[in-house]
Protein backbone atom coordinates (compact mmCIF):
# COMPACT_ATOMS: atom_id res chain seq x y z
CA MET A 1 -38.13 -129.21 118.35
CA ARG A 2 -38.03 -125.61 119.67
CA ALA A 3 -34.32 -125.99 120.53
CA LEU A 4 -33.63 -127.17 116.95
CA GLY A 5 -35.33 -124.08 115.55
CA ILE A 6 -33.29 -121.76 117.87
CA ALA A 7 -30.11 -123.48 116.83
CA ALA A 8 -31.00 -123.13 113.15
CA VAL A 9 -31.63 -119.36 113.56
CA GLY A 10 -28.33 -119.01 115.41
CA CYS A 11 -26.44 -120.84 112.65
CA LEU A 12 -28.11 -118.79 109.98
CA THR A 13 -27.23 -115.54 111.82
CA LEU A 14 -23.59 -116.61 112.03
CA LEU A 15 -23.56 -117.55 108.35
CA LEU A 16 -25.00 -114.27 107.20
CA THR A 17 -22.59 -112.13 109.33
CA SER A 18 -19.59 -114.18 108.12
CA CYS A 19 -20.65 -113.54 104.53
CA SER A 20 -20.44 -109.76 104.79
CA SER A 21 -17.78 -107.76 103.00
CA GLN A 22 -14.40 -107.19 104.65
CA TYR A 23 -14.63 -103.55 103.60
CA LYS A 24 -18.02 -102.73 105.20
CA ASP A 25 -16.68 -100.06 107.58
CA SER A 26 -13.39 -99.07 105.91
CA ILE A 27 -15.17 -97.64 102.79
CA LEU A 28 -17.10 -95.11 104.85
CA GLY A 29 -16.09 -91.48 104.33
CA LYS A 30 -15.30 -89.00 101.61
CA TRP A 31 -13.20 -90.04 98.63
CA GLN A 32 -11.75 -88.28 95.59
CA CYS A 33 -10.69 -90.10 92.46
CA LYS A 34 -7.02 -89.63 91.54
CA GLU A 35 -7.58 -90.24 87.81
CA LYS A 36 -10.68 -88.04 87.58
CA ALA A 37 -10.36 -85.25 90.18
CA ALA A 38 -14.00 -84.06 89.72
CA PHE A 39 -15.31 -87.52 90.67
CA THR A 40 -15.97 -87.80 94.40
CA MET A 41 -17.86 -90.23 96.65
CA ASP A 42 -19.22 -89.72 100.12
CA ILE A 43 -20.17 -93.13 101.50
CA ARG A 44 -22.23 -93.19 104.71
CA LYS A 45 -23.63 -95.83 107.05
CA GLY A 46 -27.10 -97.04 106.32
CA GLY A 47 -26.63 -97.51 102.56
CA THR A 48 -26.62 -93.87 101.43
CA MET A 49 -23.97 -92.02 99.52
CA THR A 50 -23.34 -89.12 97.19
CA LEU A 51 -21.52 -89.45 93.80
CA SER A 52 -20.24 -86.07 92.79
CA LYS A 53 -23.32 -84.28 94.33
CA ASN A 54 -25.68 -86.94 92.97
CA PRO A 55 -27.68 -88.65 95.83
CA ALA A 56 -27.51 -92.42 95.71
CA THR A 57 -27.93 -95.60 97.65
CA TYR A 58 -25.55 -98.56 97.78
CA ARG A 59 -25.30 -102.17 98.86
CA LEU A 60 -22.04 -103.93 99.49
CA ASP A 61 -22.24 -107.69 98.93
CA TRP A 62 -20.04 -110.47 100.32
CA ARG A 63 -17.93 -110.50 97.15
CA ASP A 64 -16.94 -106.87 97.84
CA THR A 65 -19.08 -105.61 94.96
CA LEU A 66 -20.62 -102.22 95.44
CA HIS A 67 -24.11 -102.03 93.88
CA ILE A 68 -25.06 -98.30 93.42
CA THR A 69 -28.38 -96.68 92.41
CA THR A 70 -28.28 -92.95 91.72
CA ARG A 71 -31.24 -90.63 91.87
CA ARG A 72 -30.24 -88.81 88.65
CA ALA A 73 -28.89 -90.68 85.58
CA VAL A 74 -25.14 -90.61 84.91
CA GLU A 75 -24.28 -91.26 81.28
CA GLY A 76 -27.84 -92.52 80.82
CA LYS A 77 -27.78 -95.02 83.68
CA THR A 78 -28.95 -95.11 87.28
CA LYS A 79 -27.52 -98.47 88.30
CA PHE A 80 -23.89 -99.20 88.60
CA ARG A 81 -21.67 -102.02 89.92
CA THR A 82 -18.05 -101.83 90.88
CA LYS A 83 -15.63 -104.20 92.62
CA ILE A 84 -13.60 -102.99 95.59
CA LEU A 85 -10.13 -104.39 95.17
CA SER A 86 -8.50 -102.87 98.26
CA VAL A 87 -8.86 -100.31 101.02
CA SER A 88 -5.69 -99.38 102.78
CA GLY A 89 -5.84 -96.49 105.22
CA GLU A 90 -6.27 -93.38 103.02
CA GLU A 91 -6.51 -95.15 99.66
CA MET A 92 -9.14 -97.26 97.96
CA THR A 93 -8.91 -99.15 94.61
CA ILE A 94 -11.94 -100.16 92.62
CA GLN A 95 -12.45 -101.95 89.39
CA GLU A 96 -15.19 -101.03 86.91
CA PRO A 97 -17.09 -103.75 85.02
CA ASP A 98 -15.06 -102.92 81.88
CA GLY A 99 -11.74 -103.73 83.80
CA THR A 100 -10.75 -100.03 84.35
CA THR A 101 -9.10 -99.56 87.73
CA LEU A 102 -9.61 -96.33 89.68
CA THR A 103 -7.79 -95.16 92.78
CA PHE A 104 -9.39 -92.91 95.38
CA LYS A 105 -7.80 -90.92 98.25
CA ARG A 106 -9.64 -90.07 101.39
CA ILE A 107 -10.43 -86.38 101.73
């Protein structure tokens, strides 16, 4: 019975690690929006980030959706969600919930 429990925990661990985002490490760093030059992101390990000098936390789910909570409201909101479409070297493309696509360059 104990061996079955250990095997179940092992399988669950493998399942959870395989369900993580493919962009987990590649999004880390400082980014500047090409379309809106004043908009910057500094994404750090441990789930913390800064959005244009606004402290925030984030969670990246297995569907590559970035869930962001800011300390100060931006346009009346403190919770945001955006989809990471691609990260390629020095460029990242995201899609806002309304379908708007933004491109960021690493700075």
